[in-house]
């Protein structure tokens, strides 16, 4: 397997990205990494690494898509960017997977235009894993498709359920649909129609509507939302978690300095358990290949764990299962009917 990594994407590129690639060398086996980006910058980061050429290749690019760039315009005007070149390599099957901590919108657009969706998939979705005290919970979609139709949400449930089963070893994933209330009558038109589709699918362990607070309750393994709502939830949770840990640490230091020192190790363990870097990136489920989207502020651990996630997805043939599942259910017609 050949895995392309965007060396120029993210707040800490290329240092943390290249460091993550080096850290993942122990995982590779027969696999190979391609670092895509400016050769001089990448080689400078690899200067003190011996024998990196045995497992790492460099694909030179001259442009970078910044976080503030418009995704479509960036792909049009920066065709030699690391994201655009990675997608091109994937579309021509020169690489089997792509990983980036860069501009999410540009990466999603590049994958949809170049790599294309799997047969039967209408729109791919980003599946983010939320760590919880009762185990992980997958939220999909987290930003790939802000204007969903019921069929999109239904397919996200199918794909995320397979992802939870194969990667997180959840035997029968419990699925919830994010809404403003648990009752069947709650929700907008999209939620109500999507709920009807999921409820009528006997192959899904669908448990009905779920409220935002229940994402961490341990009662659901998969929660489905449109990309707009899902992305808002994702950013809210990230901000809340960071503020929560900072406030606890500050309060302990101010009130009980000695206790703060005693609690430091315990707080560190809790923070690590809920640190997104420990989980790697989020897969863009539904593309004909493997695409891992990392947080913009990812450090080397996220890149290493994303390489591991790529290997797990490939070993469990998740894409093949998605295609077969949708084909058998016929939930994804080539031209979806109006309103579905």
Foldseek 3Di string as FASTA:
>chain_A
DEEEEAQAAFPDHNQQVLLLVVVQPVVAVPYAYEYEEAPVRNCVNCVPPPPNVVGYHYHYFDDADAQPDDQVVCVVPRCRHRLNVVLQCVLVVVGQEYEHQHHPQNNLVSLCVRQNFFVLQPHWAWWAWFFAPLGIAIEIHAASFQDDFLLNQLLRQVLVQLCCCQPVVDPAFEEAEEFPDQDLVGHDPRSNSNQVVNVPDPVHNYDGHDYLVCSRVNPGRYYYDRNVVNNVSVVVVVVVVVVVLVVVLVVCCVPPVVVSVVCVVVSVVVCVSRPSLQQAFIWRPGGNGTYGHGHNNHGSSNSSNVVVVNVSCVVSVSSVVSNVVCVVVVSRDPDDDPRD
